[in-house]
mmCIF file of all heavy atoms, coordinates in Angstrom:
data_MODEL
# 
_entry.id   MODEL 
# 
loop_
_atom_site.group_PDB 
_atom_site.id 
_atom_site.type_symbol 
_atom_site.label_atom_id 
_atom_site.label_alt_id 
_atom_site.label_comp_id 
_atom_site.label_asym_id 
_atom_site.label_entity_id 
_atom_site.label_seq_id 
_atom_site.pdbx_PDB_ins_code 
_atom_site.Cartn_x 
_atom_site.Cartn_y 
_atom_site.Cartn_z 
_atom_site.occupancy 
_atom_site.B_iso_or_equiv 
_atom_site.pdbx_formal_charge 
_atom_site.auth_seq_id 
_atom_site.auth_comp_id 
_atom_site.auth_asym_id 
_atom_site.auth_atom_id 
_atom_site.pdbx_PDB_model_num 
ATOM 1   N N   . MET A 1 1  ? 85.924  113.634 106.035 1.00 0.00 ? 1  MET A N   1 
ATOM 2   C CA  . MET A 1 1  ? 86.735  113.296 107.092 1.00 0.00 ? 1  MET A CA  1 
ATOM 3   C C   . MET A 1 1  ? 88.207  113.356 106.644 1.00 0.00 ? 1  MET A C   1 
ATOM 4   O O   . MET A 1 1  ? 89.018  113.879 107.407 1.00 0.00 ? 1  MET A O   1 
ATOM 5   C CB  . MET A 1 1  ? 86.498  111.815 107.562 1.00 0.00 ? 1  MET A CB  1 
ATOM 6   C CG  . MET A 1 1  ? 87.324  111.377 108.742 1.00 0.00 ? 1  MET A CG  1 
ATOM 7   S SD  . MET A 1 1  ? 87.174  109.644 109.026 1.00 0.00 ? 1  MET A SD  1 
ATOM 8   C CE  . MET A 1 1  ? 85.598  109.635 110.170 1.00 0.00 ? 1  MET A CE  1 
ATOM 9   N N   . ARG A 1 2  ? 88.490  112.819 105.415 1.00 0.00 ? 2  ARG A N   1 
ATOM 10  C CA  . ARG A 1 2  ? 89.938  112.866 104.941 1.00 0.00 ? 2  ARG A CA  1 
ATOM 11  C C   . ARG A 1 2  ? 90.422  114.236 104.754 1.00 0.00 ? 2  ARG A C   1 
ATOM 12  O O   . ARG A 1 2  ? 91.469  114.648 104.909 1.00 0.00 ? 2  ARG A O   1 
ATOM 13  C CB  . ARG A 1 2  ? 89.970  111.919 103.821 1.00 0.00 ? 2  ARG A CB  1 
ATOM 14  C CG  . ARG A 1 2  ? 89.817  110.470 104.103 1.00 0.00 ? 2  ARG A CG  1 
ATOM 15  C CD  . ARG A 1 2  ? 90.133  109.482 102.817 1.00 0.00 ? 2  ARG A CD  1 
ATOM 16  N NE  . ARG A 1 2  ? 89.955  108.178 103.146 1.00 0.00 ? 2  ARG A NE  1 
ATOM 17  C CZ  . ARG A 1 2  ? 90.285  107.141 102.406 1.00 0.00 ? 2  ARG A CZ  1 
ATOM 18  N NH1 . ARG A 1 2  ? 90.945  107.398 101.289 1.00 0.00 ? 2  ARG A NH1 1 
ATOM 19  N NH2 . ARG A 1 2  ? 90.092  105.933 102.742 1.00 0.00 ? 2  ARG A NH2 1 
ATOM 20  N N   . ALA A 1 3  ? 89.522  115.076 104.093 1.00 0.00 ? 3  ALA A N   1 
ATOM 21  C CA  . ALA A 1 3  ? 89.893  116.379 103.700 1.00 0.00 ? 3  ALA A CA  1 
ATOM 22  C C   . ALA A 1 3  ? 90.147  117.253 105.027 1.00 0.00 ? 3  ALA A C   1 
ATOM 23  O O   . ALA A 1 3  ? 91.145  118.110 104.973 1.00 0.00 ? 3  ALA A O   1 
ATOM 24  C CB  . ALA A 1 3  ? 88.708  117.114 103.012 1.00 0.00 ? 3  ALA A CB  1 
ATOM 25  N N   . LEU A 1 4  ? 89.334  117.003 106.099 1.00 0.00 ? 4  LEU A N   1 
ATOM 26  C CA  . LEU A 1 4  ? 89.667  117.829 107.322 1.00 0.00 ? 4  LEU A CA  1 
ATOM 27  C C   . LEU A 1 4  ? 90.917  117.433 107.980 1.00 0.00 ? 4  LEU A C   1 
ATOM 28  O O   . LEU A 1 4  ? 91.554  118.250 108.575 1.00 0.00 ? 4  LEU A O   1 
ATOM 29  C CB  . LEU A 1 4  ? 88.377  117.635 108.292 1.00 0.00 ? 4  LEU A CB  1 
ATOM 30  C CG  . LEU A 1 4  ? 87.103  118.199 107.769 1.00 0.00 ? 4  LEU A CG  1 
ATOM 31  C CD1 . LEU A 1 4  ? 86.071  117.936 108.934 1.00 0.00 ? 4  LEU A CD1 1 
ATOM 32  C CD2 . LEU A 1 4  ? 87.187  119.621 107.661 1.00 0.00 ? 4  LEU A CD2 1 
ATOM 33  N N   . VAL A 1 5  ? 91.154  116.081 108.093 1.00 0.00 ? 5  VAL A N   1 
ATOM 34  C CA  . VAL A 1 5  ? 92.431  115.732 108.537 1.00 0.00 ? 5  VAL A CA  1 
ATOM 35  C C   . VAL A 1 5  ? 93.640  116.151 107.859 1.00 0.00 ? 5  VAL A C   1 
ATOM 36  O O   . VAL A 1 5  ? 94.625  116.537 108.399 1.00 0.00 ? 5  VAL A O   1 
ATOM 37  C CB  . VAL A 1 5  ? 92.534  114.189 108.905 1.00 0.00 ? 5  VAL A CB  1 
ATOM 38  C CG1 . VAL A 1 5  ? 92.697  113.266 107.693 1.00 0.00 ? 5  VAL A CG1 1 
ATOM 39  C CG2 . VAL A 1 5  ? 93.557  113.732 109.929 1.00 0.00 ? 5  VAL A CG2 1 
ATOM 40  N N   . GLN A 1 6  ? 93.548  116.116 106.534 1.00 0.00 ? 6  GLN A N   1 
ATOM 41  C CA  . GLN A 1 6  ? 94.614  116.562 105.658 1.00 0.00 ? 6  GLN A CA  1 
ATOM 42  C C   . GLN A 1 6  ? 94.886  117.969 105.803 1.00 0.00 ? 6  GLN A C   1 
ATOM 43  O O   . GLN A 1 6  ? 96.008  118.413 105.961 1.00 0.00 ? 6  GLN A O   1 
ATOM 44  C CB  . GLN A 1 6  ? 94.336  116.225 104.148 1.00 0.00 ? 6  GLN A CB  1 
ATOM 45  C CG  . GLN A 1 6  ? 95.516  116.816 103.282 1.00 0.00 ? 6  GLN A CG  1 
ATOM 46  C CD  . GLN A 1 6  ? 95.260  116.344 101.812 1.00 0.00 ? 6  GLN A CD  1 
ATOM 47  O OE1 . GLN A 1 6  ? 94.308  115.663 101.594 1.00 0.00 ? 6  GLN A OE1 1 
ATOM 48  N NE2 . GLN A 1 6  ? 96.022  116.771 100.842 1.00 0.00 ? 6  GLN A NE2 1 
ATOM 49  N N   . ALA A 1 7  ? 93.754  118.836 105.986 1.00 0.00 ? 7  ALA A N   1 
ATOM 50  C CA  . ALA A 1 7  ? 93.983  120.224 106.245 1.00 0.00 ? 7  ALA A CA  1 
ATOM 51  C C   . ALA A 1 7  ? 94.654  120.572 107.498 1.00 0.00 ? 7  ALA A C   1 
ATOM 52  O O   . ALA A 1 7  ? 95.493  121.516 107.571 1.00 0.00 ? 7  ALA A O   1 
ATOM 53  C CB  . ALA A 1 7  ? 92.583  120.940 106.194 1.00 0.00 ? 7  ALA A CB  1 
ATOM 54  N N   . GLY A 1 8  ? 94.346  119.785 108.558 1.00 0.00 ? 8  GLY A N   1 
ATOM 55  C CA  . GLY A 1 8  ? 94.920  119.959 109.809 1.00 0.00 ? 8  GLY A CA  1 
ATOM 56  C C   . GLY A 1 8  ? 96.439  119.628 109.782 1.00 0.00 ? 8  GLY A C   1 
ATOM 57  O O   . GLY A 1 8  ? 97.251  120.366 110.314 1.00 0.00 ? 8  GLY A O   1 
ATOM 58  N N   . VAL A 1 9  ? 96.684  118.586 109.206 1.00 0.00 ? 9  VAL A N   1 
ATOM 59  C CA  . VAL A 1 9  ? 98.182  118.100 108.957 1.00 0.00 ? 9  VAL A CA  1 
ATOM 60  C C   . VAL A 1 9  ? 98.907  119.197 108.110 1.00 0.00 ? 9  VAL A C   1 
ATOM 61  O O   . VAL A 1 9  ? 100.024 119.569 108.716 1.00 0.00 ? 9  VAL A O   1 
ATOM 62  C CB  . VAL A 1 9  ? 98.214  116.760 108.174 1.00 0.00 ? 9  VAL A CB  1 
ATOM 63  C CG1 . VAL A 1 9  ? 99.653  116.364 107.900 1.00 0.00 ? 9  VAL A CG1 1 
ATOM 64  C CG2 . VAL A 1 9  ? 97.628  115.620 109.256 1.00 0.00 ? 9  VAL A CG2 1 
ATOM 65  N N   . GLU A 1 10 ? 98.373  119.713 107.135 1.00 0.00 ? 10 GLU A N   1 
ATOM 66  C CA  . GLU A 1 10 ? 99.042  120.697 106.368 1.00 0.00 ? 10 GLU A CA  1 
ATOM 67  C C   . GLU A 1 10 ? 99.225  122.047 107.169 1.00 0.00 ? 10 GLU A C   1 
ATOM 68  O O   . GLU A 1 10 ? 100.375 122.726 107.058 1.00 0.00 ? 10 GLU A O   1 
ATOM 69  C CB  . GLU A 1 10 ? 98.216  121.042 105.050 1.00 0.00 ? 10 GLU A CB  1 
ATOM 70  C CG  . GLU A 1 10 ? 98.275  119.779 104.067 1.00 0.00 ? 10 GLU A CG  1 
ATOM 71  C CD  . GLU A 1 10 ? 97.379  120.033 102.910 1.00 0.00 ? 10 GLU A CD  1 
ATOM 72  O OE1 . GLU A 1 10 ? 96.572  120.966 102.965 1.00 0.00 ? 10 GLU A OE1 1 
ATOM 73  O OE2 . GLU A 1 10 ? 97.458  119.281 101.950 1.00 0.00 ? 10 GLU A OE2 1 
ATOM 74  N N   . GLN A 1 11 ? 98.186  122.392 107.984 1.00 0.00 ? 11 GLN A N   1 
ATOM 75  C CA  . GLN A 1 11 ? 98.454  123.553 108.855 1.00 0.00 ? 11 GLN A CA  1 
ATOM 76  C C   . GLN A 1 11 ? 99.597  123.354 109.839 1.00 0.00 ? 11 GLN A C   1 
ATOM 77  O O   . GLN A 1 11 ? 100.439 124.253 109.985 1.00 0.00 ? 11 GLN A O   1 
ATOM 78  C CB  . GLN A 1 11 ? 97.104  123.768 109.689 1.00 0.00 ? 11 GLN A CB  1 
ATOM 79  C CG  . GLN A 1 11 ? 95.993  124.462 108.889 1.00 0.00 ? 11 GLN A CG  1 
ATOM 80  C CD  . GLN A 1 11 ? 96.168  125.695 108.415 1.00 0.00 ? 11 GLN A CD  1 
ATOM 81  O OE1 . GLN A 1 11 ? 96.713  126.635 109.125 1.00 0.00 ? 11 GLN A OE1 1 
ATOM 82  N NE2 . GLN A 1 11 ? 95.703  126.053 107.236 1.00 0.00 ? 11 GLN A NE2 1 
ATOM 83  N N   . ALA A 1 12 ? 99.692  122.083 110.396 1.00 0.00 ? 12 ALA A N   1 
ATOM 84  C CA  . ALA A 1 12 ? 100.845 121.870 111.421 1.00 0.00 ? 12 ALA A CA  1 
ATOM 85  C C   . ALA A 1 12 ? 102.145 121.811 110.583 1.00 0.00 ? 12 ALA A C   1 
ATOM 86  O O   . ALA A 1 12 ? 103.091 122.412 111.106 1.00 0.00 ? 12 ALA A O   1 
ATOM 87  C CB  . ALA A 1 12 ? 100.579 120.485 111.984 1.00 0.00 ? 12 ALA A CB  1 
ATOM 88  N N   . GLN A 1 13 ? 102.173 121.269 109.441 1.00 0.00 ? 13 GLN A N   1 
ATOM 89  C CA  . GLN A 1 13 ? 103.494 121.202 108.672 1.00 0.00 ? 13 GLN A CA  1 
ATOM 90  C C   . GLN A 1 13 ? 103.938 122.559 108.278 1.00 0.00 ? 13 GLN A C   1 
ATOM 91  O O   . GLN A 1 13 ? 105.160 122.811 108.218 1.00 0.00 ? 13 GLN A O   1 
ATOM 92  C CB  . GLN A 1 13 ? 103.326 120.244 107.589 1.00 0.00 ? 13 GLN A CB  1 
ATOM 93  C CG  . GLN A 1 13 ? 103.287 118.703 107.941 1.00 0.00 ? 13 GLN A CG  1 
ATOM 94  C CD  . GLN A 1 13 ? 103.352 117.792 106.857 1.00 0.00 ? 13 GLN A CD  1 
ATOM 95  O OE1 . GLN A 1 13 ? 102.599 117.947 105.915 1.00 0.00 ? 13 GLN A OE1 1 
ATOM 96  N NE2 . GLN A 1 13 ? 104.115 116.744 106.939 1.00 0.00 ? 13 GLN A NE2 1 
ATOM 97  N N   . ALA A 1 14 ? 102.999 123.459 107.926 1.00 0.00 ? 14 ALA A N   1 
ATOM 98  C CA  . ALA A 1 14 ? 103.392 124.784 107.539 1.00 0.00 ? 14 ALA A CA  1 
ATOM 99  C C   . ALA A 1 14 ? 103.957 125.579 108.758 1.00 0.00 ? 14 ALA A C   1 
ATOM 100 O O   . ALA A 1 14 ? 104.738 126.414 108.410 1.00 0.00 ? 14 ALA A O   1 
ATOM 101 C CB  . ALA A 1 14 ? 102.072 125.560 106.953 1.00 0.00 ? 14 ALA A CB  1 
ATOM 102 N N   . ARG A 1 15 ? 103.606 125.310 109.874 1.00 0.00 ? 15 ARG A N   1 
ATOM 103 C CA  . ARG A 1 15 ? 104.114 125.899 110.990 1.00 0.00 ? 15 ARG A CA  1 
ATOM 104 C C   . ARG A 1 15 ? 105.312 125.277 111.671 1.00 0.00 ? 15 ARG A C   1 
ATOM 105 O O   . ARG A 1 15 ? 106.234 125.897 112.285 1.00 0.00 ? 15 ARG A O   1 
ATOM 106 C CB  . ARG A 1 15 ? 102.990 126.105 112.051 1.00 0.00 ? 15 ARG A CB  1 
ATOM 107 C CG  . ARG A 1 15 ? 103.387 126.871 113.331 1.00 0.00 ? 15 ARG A CG  1 
ATOM 108 C CD  . ARG A 1 15 ? 102.126 127.318 114.013 1.00 0.00 ? 15 ARG A CD  1 
ATOM 109 N NE  . ARG A 1 15 ? 102.434 128.048 115.195 1.00 0.00 ? 15 ARG A NE  1 
ATOM 110 C CZ  . ARG A 1 15 ? 101.608 128.814 115.950 1.00 0.00 ? 15 ARG A CZ  1 
ATOM 111 N NH1 . ARG A 1 15 ? 100.369 128.742 115.571 1.00 0.00 ? 15 ARG A NH1 1 
ATOM 112 N NH2 . ARG A 1 15 ? 102.062 129.531 116.925 1.00 0.00 ? 15 ARG A NH2 1 
ATOM 113 N N   . SER A 1 16 ? 105.531 124.024 111.449 1.00 0.00 ? 16 SER A N   1 
ATOM 114 C CA  . SER A 1 16 ? 106.630 123.276 112.178 1.00 0.00 ? 16 SER A CA  1 
ATOM 115 C C   . SER A 1 16 ? 107.902 123.390 111.391 1.00 0.00 ? 16 SER A C   1 
ATOM 116 O O   . SER A 1 16 ? 108.048 123.379 110.165 1.00 0.00 ? 16 SER A O   1 
ATOM 117 C CB  . SER A 1 16 ? 106.188 121.870 112.112 1.00 0.00 ? 16 SER A CB  1 
ATOM 118 O OG  . SER A 1 16 ? 107.233 121.013 112.842 1.00 0.00 ? 16 SER A OG  1 
ATOM 119 N N   . SER A 1 17 ? 108.990 123.359 112.170 1.00 0.00 ? 17 SER A N   1 
ATOM 120 C CA  . SER A 1 17 ? 110.327 123.375 111.581 1.00 0.00 ? 17 SER A CA  1 
ATOM 121 C C   . SER A 1 17 ? 110.824 122.019 111.243 1.00 0.00 ? 17 SER A C   1 
ATOM 122 O O   . SER A 1 17 ? 111.882 121.850 110.632 1.00 0.00 ? 17 SER A O   1 
ATOM 123 C CB  . SER A 1 17 ? 111.252 124.018 112.687 1.00 0.00 ? 17 SER A CB  1 
ATOM 124 O OG  . SER A 1 17 ? 111.300 123.274 113.921 1.00 0.00 ? 17 SER A OG  1 
ATOM 125 N N   . VAL A 1 18 ? 110.038 120.987 111.655 1.00 0.00 ? 18 VAL A N   1 
ATOM 126 C CA  . VAL A 1 18 ? 110.265 119.579 111.250 1.00 0.00 ? 18 VAL A CA  1 
ATOM 127 C C   . VAL A 1 18 ? 109.041 118.932 110.597 1.00 0.00 ? 18 VAL A C   1 
ATOM 128 O O   . VAL A 1 18 ? 107.967 119.300 110.828 1.00 0.00 ? 18 VAL A O   1 
ATOM 129 C CB  . VAL A 1 18 ? 110.680 118.754 112.480 1.00 0.00 ? 18 VAL A CB  1 
ATOM 130 C CG1 . VAL A 1 18 ? 112.075 119.059 113.013 1.00 0.00 ? 18 VAL A CG1 1 
ATOM 131 C CG2 . VAL A 1 18 ? 109.633 118.953 113.611 1.00 0.00 ? 18 VAL A CG2 1 
ATOM 132 N N   . ASP A 1 19 ? 109.309 118.246 109.582 1.00 0.00 ? 19 ASP A N   1 
ATOM 133 C CA  . ASP A 1 19 ? 108.255 117.744 108.706 1.00 0.00 ? 19 ASP A CA  1 
ATOM 134 C C   . ASP A 1 19 ? 107.699 116.238 109.119 1.00 0.00 ? 19 ASP A C   1 
ATOM 135 O O   . ASP A 1 19 ? 106.658 115.861 108.792 1.00 0.00 ? 19 ASP A O   1 
ATOM 136 C CB  . ASP A 1 19 ? 108.644 117.673 107.272 1.00 0.00 ? 19 ASP A CB  1 
ATOM 137 C CG  . ASP A 1 19 ? 108.766 119.090 106.739 1.00 0.00 ? 19 ASP A CG  1 
ATOM 138 O OD1 . ASP A 1 19 ? 108.084 120.044 107.215 1.00 0.00 ? 19 ASP A OD1 1 
ATOM 139 O OD2 . ASP A 1 19 ? 109.683 119.246 105.809 1.00 0.00 ? 19 ASP A OD2 1 
ATOM 140 N N   . ASP A 1 20 ? 108.741 115.592 109.701 1.00 0.00 ? 20 ASP A N   1 
ATOM 141 C CA  . ASP A 1 20 ? 108.295 114.077 109.977 1.00 0.00 ? 20 ASP A CA  1 
ATOM 142 C C   . ASP A 1 20 ? 107.181 114.073 110.984 1.00 0.00 ? 20 ASP A C   1 
ATOM 143 O O   . ASP A 1 20 ? 107.216 114.652 112.056 1.00 0.00 ? 20 ASP A O   1 
ATOM 144 C CB  . ASP A 1 20 ? 109.484 113.356 110.403 1.00 0.00 ? 20 ASP A CB  1 
ATOM 145 C CG  . ASP A 1 20 ? 110.582 113.160 109.408 1.00 0.00 ? 20 ASP A CG  1 
ATOM 146 O OD1 . ASP A 1 20 ? 110.066 113.158 108.237 1.00 0.00 ? 20 ASP A OD1 1 
ATOM 147 O OD2 . ASP A 1 20 ? 111.683 112.764 109.807 1.00 0.00 ? 20 ASP A OD2 1 
ATOM 148 N N   . ILE A 1 21 ? 106.105 113.299 110.702 1.00 0.00 ? 21 ILE A N   1 
ATOM 149 C CA  . ILE A 1 21 ? 105.011 113.231 111.602 1.00 0.00 ? 21 ILE A CA  1 
ATOM 150 C C   . ILE A 1 21 ? 104.578 111.749 112.054 1.00 0.00 ? 21 ILE A C   1 
ATOM 151 O O   . ILE A 1 21 ? 104.786 110.796 111.370 1.00 0.00 ? 21 ILE A O   1 
ATOM 152 C CB  . ILE A 1 21 ? 103.755 113.979 110.977 1.00 0.00 ? 21 ILE A CB  1 
ATOM 153 C CG1 . ILE A 1 21 ? 103.202 113.245 109.799 1.00 0.00 ? 21 ILE A CG1 1 
ATOM 154 C CG2 . ILE A 1 21 ? 104.048 115.408 110.457 1.00 0.00 ? 21 ILE A CG2 1 
ATOM 155 C CD1 . ILE A 1 21 ? 101.757 113.695 109.253 1.00 0.00 ? 21 ILE A CD1 1 
ATOM 156 N N   . ILE A 1 22 ? 103.920 111.773 113.132 1.00 0.00 ? 22 ILE A N   1 
ATOM 157 C CA  . ILE A 1 22 ? 103.219 110.711 113.668 1.00 0.00 ? 22 ILE A CA  1 
ATOM 158 C C   . ILE A 1 22 ? 101.785 111.019 113.913 1.00 0.00 ? 22 ILE A C   1 
ATOM 159 O O   . ILE A 1 22 ? 101.655 112.156 114.667 1.00 0.00 ? 22 ILE A O   1 
ATOM 160 C CB  . ILE A 1 22 ? 103.951 109.873 114.848 1.00 0.00 ? 22 ILE A CB  1 
ATOM 161 C CG1 . ILE A 1 22 ? 105.199 109.156 114.235 1.00 0.00 ? 22 ILE A CG1 1 
ATOM 162 C CG2 . ILE A 1 22 ? 102.964 109.078 115.649 1.00 0.00 ? 22 ILE A CG2 1 
ATOM 163 C CD1 . ILE A 1 22 ? 105.990 108.474 115.284 1.00 0.00 ? 22 ILE A CD1 1 
ATOM 164 N N   . VAL A 1 23 ? 100.822 110.372 113.684 1.00 0.00 ? 23 VAL A N   1 
ATOM 165 C CA  . VAL A 1 23 ? 99.344  110.739 113.992 1.00 0.00 ? 23 VAL A CA  1 
ATOM 166 C C   . VAL A 1 23 ? 98.902  109.903 115.092 1.00 0.00 ? 23 VAL A C   1 
ATOM 167 O O   . VAL A 1 23 ? 99.008  108.590 115.142 1.00 0.00 ? 23 VAL A O   1 
ATOM 168 C CB  . VAL A 1 23 ? 98.523  110.718 112.640 1.00 0.00 ? 23 VAL A CB  1 
ATOM 169 C CG1 . VAL A 1 23 ? 97.092  110.956 113.047 1.00 0.00 ? 23 VAL A CG1 1 
ATOM 170 C CG2 . VAL A 1 23 ? 99.153  111.474 111.620 1.00 0.00 ? 23 VAL A CG2 1 
ATOM 171 N N   . LYS A 1 24 ? 98.270  110.399 116.071 1.00 0.00 ? 24 LYS A N   1 
ATOM 172 C CA  . LYS A 1 24 ? 97.567  109.723 117.292 1.00 0.00 ? 24 LYS A CA  1 
ATOM 173 C C   . LYS A 1 24 ? 96.141  110.286 117.345 1.00 0.00 ? 24 LYS A C   1 
ATOM 174 O O   . LYS A 1 24 ? 95.979  111.425 117.177 1.00 0.00 ? 24 LYS A O   1 
ATOM 175 C CB  . LYS A 1 24 ? 98.347  109.928 118.524 1.00 0.00 ? 24 LYS A CB  1 
ATOM 176 C CG  . LYS A 1 24 ? 98.408  111.426 118.958 1.00 0.00 ? 24 LYS A CG  1 
ATOM 177 C CD  . LYS A 1 24 ? 99.141  111.515 120.264 1.00 0.00 ? 24 LYS A CD  1 
ATOM 178 C CE  . LYS A 1 24 ? 98.473  110.947 121.548 1.00 0.00 ? 24 LYS A CE  1 
ATOM 179 N NZ  . LYS A 1 24 ? 99.161  111.431 122.776 1.00 0.00 ? 24 LYS A NZ  1 
ATOM 180 N N   . GLY A 1 25 ? 95.325  109.347 117.686 1.00 0.00 ? 25 GLY A N   1 
ATOM 181 C CA  . GLY A 1 25 ? 93.924  109.673 118.051 1.00 0.00 ? 25 GLY A CA  1 
ATOM 182 C C   . GLY A 1 25 ? 93.353  108.975 119.176 1.00 0.00 ? 25 GLY A C   1 
ATOM 183 O O   . GLY A 1 25 ? 93.809  107.923 119.547 1.00 0.00 ? 25 GLY A O   1 
# 
């Protein structure tokens, strides 16, 4: 579970021009 959410976050940060994140579910 943690590996999958971390991978998704990393994909998003690699694409985003801003790094600060908030996570919602």
